[in-house]
Amino acid sequence: MSKIPLTLIGADLLRQELHNLKTVERPGVISAISEARAQGDLSENAEYEAAKERQSFVEGRIVELESKLGSAQIINPKTLIADGRCVFGSTVVLEDVNNGDVVTYQIVGDDEADIRHRKISISSPIARALIGKYSGDIAEVQAPGGVREYEVVDVQYI
């Protein structure tokens, strides 16, 4: 079984979601199913069908999260020794070579990626282009509009 890379924060978020599903969502769904059953005929009971669908989703997500956490390789970016290279968990400051825009991204696992919070997936084109680069290197990224070039301004392990 392959390891799924996660940062400490990403693993904590998945654990919190799993805890919520097991302690809040699952009991709530069980209660909703019981209430719907009490209403009588299940063949035409929309509340019962909705509760059963919700139960299926919750149970599926619990299995998925347990599997991911069970095969997770948890990485603490603060303890990385990468000698200034872009690696999983690092925070990278980039400058767009064409227009001079500066952006900062952290390279994280697929489940943690959130562009609004400047977290990009390790499997994204930009992260794949950055892995192994040092400050001052140019990364070429194949984007829908063509190749984009970014200069690595700084690499941090925070």
N, C-alpha and C. Protein backbone atom coordinates (compact mmCIF):
# COMPACT_ATOMS: atom_id res chain seq x y z
N MET A 1 0.85 -1.18 0.00
CA MET A 1 0.00 0.00 0.00
C MET A 1 0.89 1.24 0.00
N SER A 2 0.60 2.16 -0.86
CA SER A 2 1.43 3.36 -0.96
C SER A 2 1.07 4.34 0.17
N LYS A 3 2.06 5.10 0.57
CA LYS A 3 1.88 6.09 1.62
C LYS A 3 1.27 7.36 1.04
N ILE A 4 0.39 7.99 1.78
CA ILE A 4 -0.24 9.25 1.39
C ILE A 4 0.43 10.35 2.20
N PRO A 5 1.12 11.30 1.54
CA PRO A 5 1.78 12.35 2.30
C PRO A 5 0.78 13.37 2.84
N LEU A 6 0.96 13.71 4.11
CA LEU A 6 0.13 14.72 4.77
C LEU A 6 1.03 15.56 5.67
N THR A 7 0.71 16.83 5.78
CA THR A 7 1.40 17.66 6.76
C THR A 7 0.75 17.40 8.12
N LEU A 8 1.39 17.84 9.18
CA LEU A 8 0.81 17.69 10.52
C LEU A 8 -0.58 18.31 10.60
N ILE A 9 -0.71 19.52 10.05
CA ILE A 9 -1.99 20.23 10.09
C ILE A 9 -3.05 19.47 9.29
N GLY A 10 -2.67 18.97 8.11
CA GLY A 10 -3.61 18.21 7.29
C GLY A 10 -4.09 16.95 7.98
N ALA A 11 -3.18 16.24 8.64
CA ALA A 11 -3.56 15.02 9.38
C ALA A 11 -4.50 15.37 10.53
N ASP A 12 -4.21 16.46 11.23
CA ASP A 12 -5.09 16.89 12.33
C ASP A 12 -6.49 17.23 11.82
N LEU A 13 -6.56 17.90 10.66
CA LEU A 13 -7.87 18.24 10.10
C LEU A 13 -8.66 16.99 9.72
N LEU A 14 -7.98 16.00 9.16
CA LEU A 14 -8.66 14.75 8.81
C LEU A 14 -9.12 14.02 10.08
N ARG A 15 -8.30 14.03 11.12
CA ARG A 15 -8.69 13.39 12.39
C ARG A 15 -9.91 14.10 12.99
N GLN A 16 -9.93 15.43 12.93
CA GLN A 16 -11.08 16.18 13.45
C GLN A 16 -12.35 15.85 12.68
N GLU A 17 -12.22 15.77 11.35
CA GLU A 17 -13.39 15.42 10.54
C GLU A 17 -13.88 14.02 10.88
N LEU A 18 -12.96 13.08 11.03
CA LEU A 18 -13.32 11.70 11.38
C LEU A 18 -14.02 11.66 12.73
N HIS A 19 -13.49 12.38 13.70
CA HIS A 19 -14.10 12.43 15.03
C HIS A 19 -15.52 13.00 14.95
N ASN A 20 -15.70 14.07 14.18
CA ASN A 20 -17.02 14.68 14.02
C ASN A 20 -17.99 13.71 13.36
N LEU A 21 -17.53 13.00 12.35
CA LEU A 21 -18.41 12.04 11.67
C LEU A 21 -18.85 10.93 12.62
N LYS A 22 -17.93 10.46 13.44
CA LYS A 22 -18.25 9.35 14.34
C LYS A 22 -19.08 9.78 15.55
N THR A 23 -18.85 10.97 16.07
CA THR A 23 -19.51 11.37 17.31
C THR A 23 -20.73 12.27 17.12
N VAL A 24 -20.83 12.94 15.97
CA VAL A 24 -21.96 13.85 15.74
C VAL A 24 -22.83 13.39 14.58
N GLU A 25 -22.20 13.23 13.41
CA GLU A 25 -22.97 12.91 12.21
C GLU A 25 -23.61 11.52 12.26
N ARG A 26 -22.83 10.50 12.62
CA ARG A 26 -23.37 9.13 12.65
C ARG A 26 -24.54 9.01 13.61
N PRO A 27 -24.43 9.47 14.87
CA PRO A 27 -25.60 9.39 15.76
C PRO A 27 -26.80 10.20 15.25
N GLY A 28 -26.53 11.34 14.63
CA GLY A 28 -27.62 12.14 14.08
C GLY A 28 -28.37 11.42 12.97
N VAL A 29 -27.63 10.73 12.13
CA VAL A 29 -28.25 9.99 11.03
C VAL A 29 -29.05 8.81 11.58
N ILE A 30 -28.52 8.13 12.56
CA ILE A 30 -29.23 7.00 13.16
C ILE A 30 -30.54 7.47 13.78
N SER A 31 -30.50 8.61 14.44
CA SER A 31 -31.71 9.19 15.02
C SER A 31 -32.72 9.57 13.93
N ALA A 32 -32.23 10.16 12.84
CA ALA A 32 -33.13 10.55 11.74
C ALA A 32 -33.78 9.33 11.11
N ILE A 33 -33.04 8.24 10.98
CA ILE A 33 -33.61 7.00 10.42
C ILE A 33 -34.68 6.45 11.35
N SER A 34 -34.41 6.47 12.64
CA SER A 34 -35.40 5.97 13.61
C SER A 34 -36.68 6.80 13.57
N GLU A 35 -36.53 8.10 13.50
CA GLU A 35 -37.71 8.98 13.42
C GLU A 35 -38.49 8.73 12.14
N ALA A 36 -37.80 8.54 11.03
CA ALA A 36 -38.48 8.31 9.76
C ALA A 36 -39.20 6.96 9.77
N ARG A 37 -38.58 5.95 10.39
CA ARG A 37 -39.23 4.63 10.48
C ARG A 37 -40.51 4.71 11.30
N ALA A 38 -40.50 5.55 12.31
CA ALA A 38 -41.67 5.69 13.18
C ALA A 38 -42.87 6.29 12.45
N GLN A 39 -42.62 6.92 11.31
CA GLN A 39 -43.70 7.56 10.56
C GLN A 39 -44.51 6.56 9.75
N GLY A 40 -44.08 5.32 9.69
CA GLY A 40 -44.88 4.32 9.00
C GLY A 40 -44.28 3.84 7.70
N ASP A 41 -45.10 3.81 6.63
CA ASP A 41 -44.76 3.24 5.33
C ASP A 41 -43.43 3.80 4.81
N LEU A 42 -42.42 2.92 4.69
CA LEU A 42 -41.09 3.34 4.26
C LEU A 42 -40.98 3.49 2.75
N SER A 43 -41.89 2.85 2.00
CA SER A 43 -41.78 2.88 0.54
C SER A 43 -42.00 4.28 -0.05
N GLU A 44 -42.75 5.12 0.65
CA GLU A 44 -43.02 6.47 0.14
C GLU A 44 -42.55 7.54 1.13
N ASN A 45 -41.55 7.21 1.93
CA ASN A 45 -41.08 8.10 2.98
C ASN A 45 -39.79 8.79 2.53
N ALA A 46 -39.92 10.05 2.12
CA ALA A 46 -38.76 10.79 1.60
C ALA A 46 -37.73 11.05 2.69
N GLU A 47 -38.18 11.27 3.92
CA GLU A 47 -37.23 11.50 5.02
C GLU A 47 -36.37 10.27 5.27
N TYR A 48 -36.99 9.09 5.17
CA TYR A 48 -36.26 7.84 5.36
C TYR A 48 -35.21 7.67 4.27
N GLU A 49 -35.60 7.91 3.03
CA GLU A 49 -34.65 7.77 1.91
C GLU A 49 -33.49 8.76 2.03
N ALA A 50 -33.79 10.01 2.43
CA ALA A 50 -32.74 11.01 2.59
C ALA A 50 -31.80 10.63 3.72
N ALA A 51 -32.35 10.11 4.82
CA ALA A 51 -31.52 9.71 5.95
C ALA A 51 -30.64 8.51 5.58
N LYS A 52 -31.18 7.57 4.82
CA LYS A 52 -30.39 6.41 4.38
C LYS A 52 -29.26 6.85 3.44
N GLU A 53 -29.53 7.81 2.55
CA GLU A 53 -28.49 8.33 1.67
C GLU A 53 -27.40 9.04 2.48
N ARG A 54 -27.82 9.81 3.47
CA ARG A 54 -26.86 10.51 4.33
C ARG A 54 -26.01 9.50 5.11
N GLN A 55 -26.65 8.45 5.59
CA GLN A 55 -25.92 7.41 6.31
C GLN A 55 -24.88 6.75 5.42
N SER A 56 -25.25 6.49 4.19
CA SER A 56 -24.32 5.89 3.24
C SER A 56 -23.11 6.80 3.01
N PHE A 57 -23.37 8.10 2.86
CA PHE A 57 -22.27 9.06 2.67
C PHE A 57 -21.36 9.09 3.89
N VAL A 58 -21.96 9.21 5.09
CA VAL A 58 -21.18 9.31 6.33
C VAL A 58 -20.32 8.06 6.52
N GLU A 59 -20.90 6.89 6.35
CA GLU A 59 -20.15 5.65 6.54
C GLU A 59 -19.02 5.52 5.50
N GLY A 60 -19.32 5.92 4.27
CA GLY A 60 -18.29 5.88 3.22
C GLY A 60 -17.13 6.83 3.52
N ARG A 61 -17.46 8.01 4.01
CA ARG A 61 -16.42 8.99 4.34
C ARG A 61 -15.59 8.53 5.54
N ILE A 62 -16.22 7.88 6.51
CA ILE A 62 -15.49 7.34 7.66
C ILE A 62 -14.47 6.31 7.19
N VAL A 63 -14.90 5.41 6.33
CA VAL A 63 -13.98 4.38 5.80
C VAL A 63 -12.84 5.02 5.03
N GLU A 64 -13.17 6.03 4.22
CA GLU A 64 -12.16 6.72 3.42
C GLU A 64 -11.12 7.41 4.32
N LEU A 65 -11.59 8.13 5.34
CA LEU A 65 -10.68 8.84 6.23
C LEU A 65 -9.82 7.88 7.04
N GLU A 66 -10.41 6.80 7.53
CA GLU A 66 -9.63 5.81 8.28
C GLU A 66 -8.55 5.20 7.40
N SER A 67 -8.88 4.95 6.15
CA SER A 67 -7.90 4.39 5.22
C SER A 67 -6.76 5.38 4.96
N LYS A 68 -7.12 6.64 4.71
CA LYS A 68 -6.10 7.66 4.44
C LYS A 68 -5.19 7.86 5.64
N LEU A 69 -5.78 7.95 6.82
CA LEU A 69 -4.97 8.16 8.02
C LEU A 69 -4.12 6.92 8.33
N GLY A 70 -4.65 5.76 8.01
CA GLY A 70 -3.90 4.53 8.24
C GLY A 70 -2.69 4.39 7.33
N SER A 71 -2.76 4.97 6.16
CA SER A 71 -1.64 4.87 5.22
C SER A 71 -0.91 6.20 5.05
N ALA A 72 -1.12 7.11 5.99
CA ALA A 72 -0.53 8.45 5.89
C ALA A 72 0.95 8.44 6.29
N GLN A 73 1.70 9.23 5.58
CA GLN A 73 3.07 9.55 5.96
C GLN A 73 3.02 11.01 6.39
N ILE A 74 3.03 11.23 7.70
CA ILE A 74 2.85 12.58 8.23
C ILE A 74 4.21 13.27 8.30
N ILE A 75 4.25 14.44 7.69
CA ILE A 75 5.50 15.19 7.57
C ILE A 75 5.34 16.54 8.26
N ASN A 76 6.30 16.84 9.12
CA ASN A 76 6.33 18.13 9.80
C ASN A 76 7.29 19.04 9.04
N PRO A 77 6.79 20.06 8.34
CA PRO A 77 7.67 20.93 7.55
C PRO A 77 8.77 21.58 8.38
N LYS A 78 8.52 21.82 9.66
CA LYS A 78 9.51 22.49 10.50
C LYS A 78 10.75 21.62 10.75
N THR A 79 10.61 20.31 10.60
CA THR A 79 11.74 19.42 10.87
C THR A 79 12.43 18.93 9.60
N LEU A 80 12.01 19.45 8.46
CA LEU A 80 12.62 19.02 7.19
C LEU A 80 14.06 19.51 7.08
N ILE A 81 14.90 18.65 6.57
CA ILE A 81 16.28 19.03 6.26
C ILE A 81 16.42 18.83 4.76
N ALA A 82 16.15 19.89 4.01
CA ALA A 82 16.15 19.78 2.55
C ALA A 82 17.16 20.73 1.92
N ASP A 83 17.96 21.39 2.72
CA ASP A 83 19.03 22.26 2.21
C ASP A 83 18.54 23.30 1.21
N GLY A 84 17.36 23.86 1.46
CA GLY A 84 16.86 24.93 0.59
C GLY A 84 16.12 24.46 -0.65
N ARG A 85 15.90 23.15 -0.79
CA ARG A 85 15.17 22.62 -1.95
C ARG A 85 13.67 22.68 -1.70
N CYS A 86 12.92 22.79 -2.78
CA CYS A 86 11.46 22.69 -2.72
C CYS A 86 11.11 21.22 -2.54
N VAL A 87 10.42 20.91 -1.46
CA VAL A 87 9.99 19.54 -1.18
C VAL A 87 8.57 19.59 -0.63
N PHE A 88 7.98 18.41 -0.44
CA PHE A 88 6.66 18.34 0.15
C PHE A 88 6.67 19.04 1.50
N GLY A 89 5.70 19.90 1.74
CA GLY A 89 5.58 20.61 3.00
C GLY A 89 6.23 21.97 3.02
N SER A 90 7.11 22.23 2.06
CA SER A 90 7.80 23.53 2.06
C SER A 90 6.86 24.63 1.57
N THR A 91 7.17 25.84 2.01
CA THR A 91 6.45 27.03 1.57
C THR A 91 7.38 27.75 0.61
N VAL A 92 6.86 28.04 -0.59
CA VAL A 92 7.69 28.57 -1.66
C VAL A 92 7.18 29.93 -2.11
N VAL A 93 8.09 30.90 -2.16
CA VAL A 93 7.77 32.23 -2.68
C VAL A 93 8.21 32.25 -4.14
N LEU A 94 7.26 32.57 -5.02
CA LEU A 94 7.51 32.56 -6.46
C LEU A 94 7.27 33.92 -7.08
N GLU A 95 8.04 34.21 -8.12
CA GLU A 95 7.80 35.42 -8.90
C GLU A 95 7.54 35.00 -10.34
N ASP A 96 6.41 35.45 -10.88
CA ASP A 96 6.08 35.18 -12.27
C ASP A 96 7.07 35.97 -13.13
N VAL A 97 7.83 35.26 -13.96
CA VAL A 97 8.88 35.89 -14.77
C VAL A 97 8.28 36.89 -15.75
N ASN A 98 7.08 36.62 -16.26
CA ASN A 98 6.48 37.48 -17.28
C ASN A 98 5.94 38.80 -16.73
N ASN A 99 5.25 38.76 -15.57
CA ASN A 99 4.61 39.98 -15.09
C ASN A 99 5.11 40.45 -13.72
N GLY A 100 5.99 39.71 -13.07
CA GLY A 100 6.55 40.14 -11.80
C GLY A 100 5.68 39.90 -10.59
N ASP A 101 4.50 39.30 -10.77
CA ASP A 101 3.63 38.99 -9.63
C ASP A 101 4.34 38.01 -8.70
N VAL A 102 4.21 38.25 -7.40
CA VAL A 102 4.81 37.38 -6.40
C VAL A 102 3.70 36.65 -5.64
N VAL A 103 3.83 35.34 -5.52
CA VAL A 103 2.87 34.52 -4.80
C VAL A 103 3.62 33.57 -3.87
N THR A 104 2.93 33.14 -2.83
CA THR A 104 3.50 32.19 -1.89
C THR A 104 2.56 30.99 -1.79
N TYR A 105 3.12 29.78 -1.93
CA TYR A 105 2.34 28.55 -1.83
C TYR A 105 3.03 27.58 -0.90
N GLN A 106 2.22 26.77 -0.22
CA GLN A 106 2.77 25.64 0.51
C GLN A 106 2.39 24.39 -0.28
N ILE A 107 3.34 23.49 -0.44
CA ILE A 107 3.10 22.24 -1.16
C ILE A 107 2.59 21.21 -0.15
N VAL A 108 1.35 20.74 -0.35
CA VAL A 108 0.68 19.86 0.61
C VAL A 108 0.10 18.64 -0.11
N GLY A 109 -0.52 17.76 0.66
CA GLY A 109 -1.18 16.58 0.11
C GLY A 109 -2.46 16.93 -0.62
N ASP A 110 -2.94 15.99 -1.40
CA ASP A 110 -4.14 16.21 -2.20
C ASP A 110 -5.34 16.61 -1.36
N ASP A 111 -5.49 16.00 -0.18
CA ASP A 111 -6.64 16.30 0.68
C ASP A 111 -6.55 17.65 1.36
N GLU A 112 -5.36 18.22 1.42
CA GLU A 112 -5.15 19.50 2.10
C GLU A 112 -5.21 20.69 1.16
N ALA A 113 -5.08 20.45 -0.13
CA ALA A 113 -4.97 21.53 -1.11
C ALA A 113 -6.16 22.47 -1.02
N ASP A 114 -5.87 23.76 -0.98
CA ASP A 114 -6.89 24.80 -0.93
C ASP A 114 -6.25 26.09 -1.44
N ILE A 115 -6.53 26.42 -2.67
CA ILE A 115 -5.88 27.57 -3.30
C ILE A 115 -6.19 28.87 -2.58
N ARG A 116 -7.37 28.96 -1.95
CA ARG A 116 -7.72 30.18 -1.20
C ARG A 116 -6.78 30.41 -0.03
N HIS A 117 -6.23 29.32 0.50
CA HIS A 117 -5.29 29.41 1.62
C HIS A 117 -3.84 29.21 1.15
N ARG A 118 -3.64 29.31 -0.17
CA ARG A 118 -2.30 29.21 -0.76
C ARG A 118 -1.64 27.87 -0.51
N LYS A 119 -2.45 26.80 -0.53
CA LYS A 119 -1.94 25.44 -0.37
C LYS A 119 -2.20 24.70 -1.67
N ILE A 120 -1.12 24.23 -2.31
CA ILE A 120 -1.27 23.54 -3.58
C ILE A 120 -0.92 22.07 -3.42
N SER A 121 -1.61 21.24 -4.16
CA SER A 121 -1.41 19.80 -4.10
C SER A 121 -0.07 19.39 -4.68
N ILE A 122 0.54 18.41 -4.06
CA ILE A 122 1.81 17.85 -4.52
C ILE A 122 1.67 17.31 -5.95
N SER A 123 0.46 16.93 -6.34
CA SER A 123 0.27 16.38 -7.68
C SER A 123 -0.13 17.44 -8.71
N SER A 124 -0.21 18.70 -8.31
CA SER A 124 -0.55 19.77 -9.26
C SER A 124 0.64 20.04 -10.18
N PRO A 125 0.38 20.56 -11.38
CA PRO A 125 1.48 20.85 -12.31
C PRO A 125 2.52 21.81 -11.74
N ILE A 126 2.07 22.81 -11.01
CA ILE A 126 3.03 23.79 -10.48
C ILE A 126 3.91 23.15 -9.40
N ALA A 127 3.32 22.34 -8.52
CA ALA A 127 4.11 21.68 -7.48
C ALA A 127 5.10 20.69 -8.09
N ARG A 128 4.65 19.94 -9.09
CA ARG A 128 5.56 18.98 -9.74
C ARG A 128 6.73 19.71 -10.39
N ALA A 129 6.49 20.90 -10.93
CA ALA A 129 7.57 21.68 -11.55
C ALA A 129 8.51 22.25 -10.49
N LEU A 130 8.02 22.47 -9.29
CA LEU A 130 8.84 23.08 -8.24
C LEU A 130 9.71 22.09 -7.46
N ILE A 131 9.25 20.85 -7.35
CA ILE A 131 9.96 19.87 -6.53
C ILE A 131 11.42 19.76 -7.00
N GLY A 132 12.32 19.91 -6.04
CA GLY A 132 13.75 19.80 -6.31
C GLY A 132 14.43 21.10 -6.68
N LYS A 133 13.66 22.16 -6.89
CA LYS A 133 14.24 23.46 -7.26
C LYS A 133 14.76 24.18 -6.02
N TYR A 134 15.73 25.05 -6.25
CA TYR A 134 16.33 25.88 -5.20
C TYR A 134 15.97 27.33 -5.45
N SER A 135 16.20 28.16 -4.45
CA SER A 135 16.02 29.60 -4.59
C SER A 135 16.88 30.09 -5.75
N GLY A 136 16.29 30.87 -6.65
CA GLY A 136 16.98 31.38 -7.83
C GLY A 136 16.73 30.56 -9.08
N ASP A 137 16.24 29.32 -8.94
CA ASP A 137 15.92 28.47 -10.09
C ASP A 137 14.64 28.95 -10.77
N ILE A 138 14.52 28.60 -12.03
CA ILE A 138 13.31 28.88 -12.80
C ILE A 138 12.54 27.58 -12.99
N ALA A 139 11.25 27.62 -12.68
CA ALA A 139 10.37 26.46 -12.88
C ALA A 139 9.44 26.76 -14.04
N GLU A 140 9.40 25.85 -15.00
CA GLU A 140 8.49 25.98 -16.14
C GLU A 140 7.26 25.13 -15.88
N VAL A 141 6.09 25.78 -15.94
CA VAL A 141 4.84 25.10 -15.64
C VAL A 141 3.97 25.11 -16.89
N GLN A 142 3.51 23.92 -17.26
CA GLN A 142 2.60 23.81 -18.41
C GLN A 142 1.20 24.18 -17.93
N ALA A 143 0.71 25.34 -18.34
CA ALA A 143 -0.62 25.83 -17.97
C ALA A 143 -1.53 25.76 -19.20
N PRO A 144 -2.84 25.85 -19.00
CA PRO A 144 -3.76 25.82 -20.14
C PRO A 144 -3.44 26.88 -21.20
N GLY A 145 -2.92 28.02 -20.78
CA GLY A 145 -2.60 29.09 -21.71
C GLY A 145 -1.19 29.01 -22.27
N GLY A 146 -0.49 27.94 -21.97
CA GLY A 146 0.88 27.77 -22.44
C GLY A 146 1.85 27.66 -21.27
N VAL A 147 3.13 27.64 -21.57
CA VAL A 147 4.15 27.48 -20.54
C VAL A 147 4.31 28.79 -19.77
N ARG A 148 4.31 28.69 -18.43
CA ARG A 148 4.53 29.85 -17.56
C ARG A 148 5.83 29.60 -16.82
N GLU A 149 6.59 30.66 -16.62
CA GLU A 149 7.86 30.53 -15.90
C GLU A 149 7.78 31.28 -14.57
N TYR A 150 8.25 30.61 -13.53
CA TYR A 150 8.30 31.19 -12.19
C TYR A 150 9.71 31.07 -11.65
N GLU A 151 10.19 32.15 -11.05
CA GLU A 151 11.47 32.10 -10.37
C GLU A 151 11.21 31.80 -8.90
N VAL A 152 11.96 30.86 -8.36
CA VAL A 152 11.85 30.53 -6.94
C VAL A 152 12.62 31.61 -6.17
N VAL A 153 11.89 32.44 -5.44
CA VAL A 153 12.49 33.53 -4.69
C VAL A 153 13.01 33.05 -3.34
N ASP A 154 12.20 32.21 -2.67
CA ASP A 154 12.58 31.72 -1.35
C ASP A 154 11.89 30.40 -1.07
N VAL A 155 12.54 29.55 -0.28
CA VAL A 155 11.97 28.29 0.15
C VAL A 155 12.06 28.26 1.67
N GLN A 156 10.90 28.04 2.31
CA GLN A 156 10.83 28.05 3.77
C GLN A 156 10.22 26.75 4.26
N TYR A 157 10.57 26.38 5.46
CA TYR A 157 10.05 25.17 6.08
C TYR A 157 9.34 25.57 7.38
N ILE A 158 8.11 26.06 7.23
CA ILE A 158 7.36 26.59 8.38
C ILE A 158 6.09 25.81 8.62
